[in-house]
Amino acid sequence: MDLGLLKKLRKGFSTKVINKEPDKPPALSHEEKLAIEEVEIARSNFNDADEDTIDLAIYELMVAEERLNLLIKNKKKK
């Protein structure tokens, strides 16, 4: 194999690997940001719930997570 060709291939490979930027996540819509915030609030409420409010906190967290899951599912379809 030609040594010059090998050097060119190696040089091209190393610059491509070094210069490759990591994939950036897609920007979130306002609705998606709100859904994430709702999940975080619901988790906080769940963690702070007492014996009288635990059932409500569980329901609130389940609803917030399902709403976020639906947004993610719809975004994947597009």
C-alpha atoms as a PDB file:
ATOM      1  CA  MET A   1       0.000   0.000   0.000  1.00  0.00           C
ATOM      2  CA  ASP A   2       1.201   3.507  -0.794  1.00  0.00           C
ATOM      3  CA  LEU A   3       2.605   5.191   2.331  1.00  0.00           C
ATOM      4  CA  GLY A   4       1.503   8.650   1.170  1.00  0.00           C
ATOM      5  CA  LEU A   5      -2.085   7.453   0.793  1.00  0.00           C
ATOM      6  CA  LEU A   6      -1.987   5.906   4.252  1.00  0.00           C
ATOM      7  CA  LYS A   7      -0.762   9.205   5.766  1.00  0.00           C
ATOM      8  CA  LYS A   8      -3.535  11.136   3.989  1.00  0.00           C
ATOM      9  CA  LEU A   9      -6.178   8.704   5.208  1.00  0.00           C
ATOM     10  CA  ARG A  10      -4.908   8.837   8.778  1.00  0.00           C
ATOM     11  CA  LYS A  11      -4.708  12.648   8.732  1.00  0.00           C
ATOM     12  CA  GLY A  12      -8.224  12.958   7.302  1.00  0.00           C
ATOM     13  CA  PHE A  13      -9.589  10.486   9.827  1.00  0.00           C
ATOM     14  CA  SER A  14      -8.055  12.203  12.836  1.00  0.00           C
ATOM     15  CA  THR A  15      -9.339  15.657  11.851  1.00  0.00           C
ATOM     16  CA  LYS A  16     -12.837  14.302  11.269  1.00  0.00           C
ATOM     17  CA  VAL A  17     -12.916  12.635  14.660  1.00  0.00           C
ATOM     18  CA  ILE A  18     -11.490  15.662  16.455  1.00  0.00           C
ATOM     19  CA  ASN A  19     -13.704  18.208  14.690  1.00  0.00           C
ATOM     20  CA  LYS A  20     -16.918  16.220  15.018  1.00  0.00           C
ATOM     21  CA  GLU A  21     -19.325  18.147  17.191  1.00  0.00           C
ATOM     22  CA  PRO A  22     -21.610  16.193  19.506  1.00  0.00           C
ATOM     23  CA  ASP A  23     -25.224  16.001  18.430  1.00  0.00           C
ATOM     24  CA  LYS A  24     -27.237  18.766  20.022  1.00  0.00           C
ATOM     25  CA  PRO A  25     -30.633  17.868  21.433  1.00  0.00           C
ATOM     26  CA  PRO A  26     -33.567  19.459  19.634  1.00  0.00           C
ATOM     27  CA  ALA A  27     -34.904  22.668  21.123  1.00  0.00           C
ATOM     28  CA  LEU A  28     -37.882  22.247  23.419  1.00  0.00           C
ATOM     29  CA  SER A  29     -41.163  23.976  22.735  1.00  0.00           C
ATOM     30  CA  HIS A  30     -42.872  26.087  25.369  1.00  0.00           C
ATOM     31  CA  GLU A  31     -45.436  23.324  25.892  1.00  0.00           C
ATOM     32  CA  GLU A  32     -42.691  20.731  26.443  1.00  0.00           C
ATOM     33  CA  LYS A  33     -40.902  22.949  28.945  1.00  0.00           C
ATOM     34  CA  LEU A  34     -44.163  23.421  30.854  1.00  0.00           C
ATOM     35  CA  ALA A  35     -44.790  19.671  30.895  1.00  0.00           C
ATOM     36  CA  ILE A  36     -41.312  19.027  32.296  1.00  0.00           C
ATOM     37  CA  GLU A  37     -41.863  21.690  34.937  1.00  0.00           C
ATOM     38  CA  GLU A  38     -45.199  20.088  35.872  1.00  0.00           C
ATOM     39  CA  VAL A  39     -43.475  16.727  36.380  1.00  0.00           C
ATOM     40  CA  GLU A  40     -40.806  18.333  38.560  1.00  0.00           C
ATOM     41  CA  ILE A  41     -43.446  20.100  40.677  1.00  0.00           C
ATOM     42  CA  ALA A  42     -45.485  16.902  40.972  1.00  0.00           C
ATOM     43  CA  ARG A  43     -42.376  14.976  42.081  1.00  0.00           C
ATOM     44  CA  SER A  44     -41.655  17.609  44.685  1.00  0.00           C
ATOM     45  CA  ASN A  45     -45.262  17.431  45.921  1.00  0.00           C
ATOM     46  CA  PHE A  46     -44.987  13.638  46.075  1.00  0.00           C
ATOM     47  CA  ASN A  47     -41.767  13.832  48.104  1.00  0.00           C
ATOM     48  CA  ASP A  48     -43.372  16.318  50.503  1.00  0.00           C
ATOM     49  CA  ALA A  49     -46.710  14.487  50.782  1.00  0.00           C
ATOM     50  CA  ASP A  50     -47.958  13.247  54.103  1.00  0.00           C
ATOM     51  CA  GLU A  51     -50.335  10.411  54.871  1.00  0.00           C
ATOM     52  CA  ASP A  52     -53.397  12.502  54.033  1.00  0.00           C
ATOM     53  CA  THR A  53     -52.180  13.812  50.672  1.00  0.00           C
ATOM     54  CA  ILE A  54     -50.125  10.926  49.283  1.00  0.00           C
ATOM     55  CA  ASP A  55     -52.927   9.597  47.060  1.00  0.00           C
ATOM     56  CA  LEU A  56     -53.446  13.010  45.485  1.00  0.00           C
ATOM     57  CA  ALA A  57     -49.687  13.436  44.997  1.00  0.00           C
ATOM     58  CA  ILE A  58     -49.469  10.050  43.269  1.00  0.00           C
ATOM     59  CA  TYR A  59     -52.331  10.914  40.947  1.00  0.00           C
ATOM     60  CA  GLU A  60     -50.854  14.341  40.182  1.00  0.00           C
ATOM     61  CA  LEU A  61     -47.469  12.785  39.341  1.00  0.00           C
ATOM     62  CA  MET A  62     -49.011  10.094  37.149  1.00  0.00           C
ATOM     63  CA  VAL A  63     -51.007  12.686  35.182  1.00  0.00           C
ATOM     64  CA  ALA A  64     -47.991  14.982  34.710  1.00  0.00           C
ATOM     65  CA  GLU A  65     -45.774  12.100  33.565  1.00  0.00           C
ATOM     66  CA  GLU A  66     -48.423  10.800  31.143  1.00  0.00           C
ATOM     67  CA  ARG A  67     -48.890  14.282  29.655  1.00  0.00           C
ATOM     68  CA  LEU A  68     -45.123  14.495  29.068  1.00  0.00           C
ATOM     69  CA  ASN A  69     -45.070  10.981  27.584  1.00  0.00           C
ATOM     70  CA  LEU A  70     -47.786  11.951  25.116  1.00  0.00           C
ATOM     71  CA  LEU A  71     -45.833  15.029  24.035  1.00  0.00           C
ATOM     72  CA  ILE A  72     -42.734  12.899  23.500  1.00  0.00           C
ATOM     73  CA  LYS A  73     -44.707  10.299  21.567  1.00  0.00           C
ATOM     74  CA  ASN A  74     -46.235  12.969  19.308  1.00  0.00           C
ATOM     75  CA  LYS A  75     -42.848  14.578  18.713  1.00  0.00           C
ATOM     76  CA  LYS A  76     -41.358  11.220  17.663  1.00  0.00           C
ATOM     77  CA  LYS A  77     -44.131  10.767  15.090  1.00  0.00           C
ATOM     78  CA  LYS A  78     -43.162  13.992  13.321  1.00  0.00           C
END
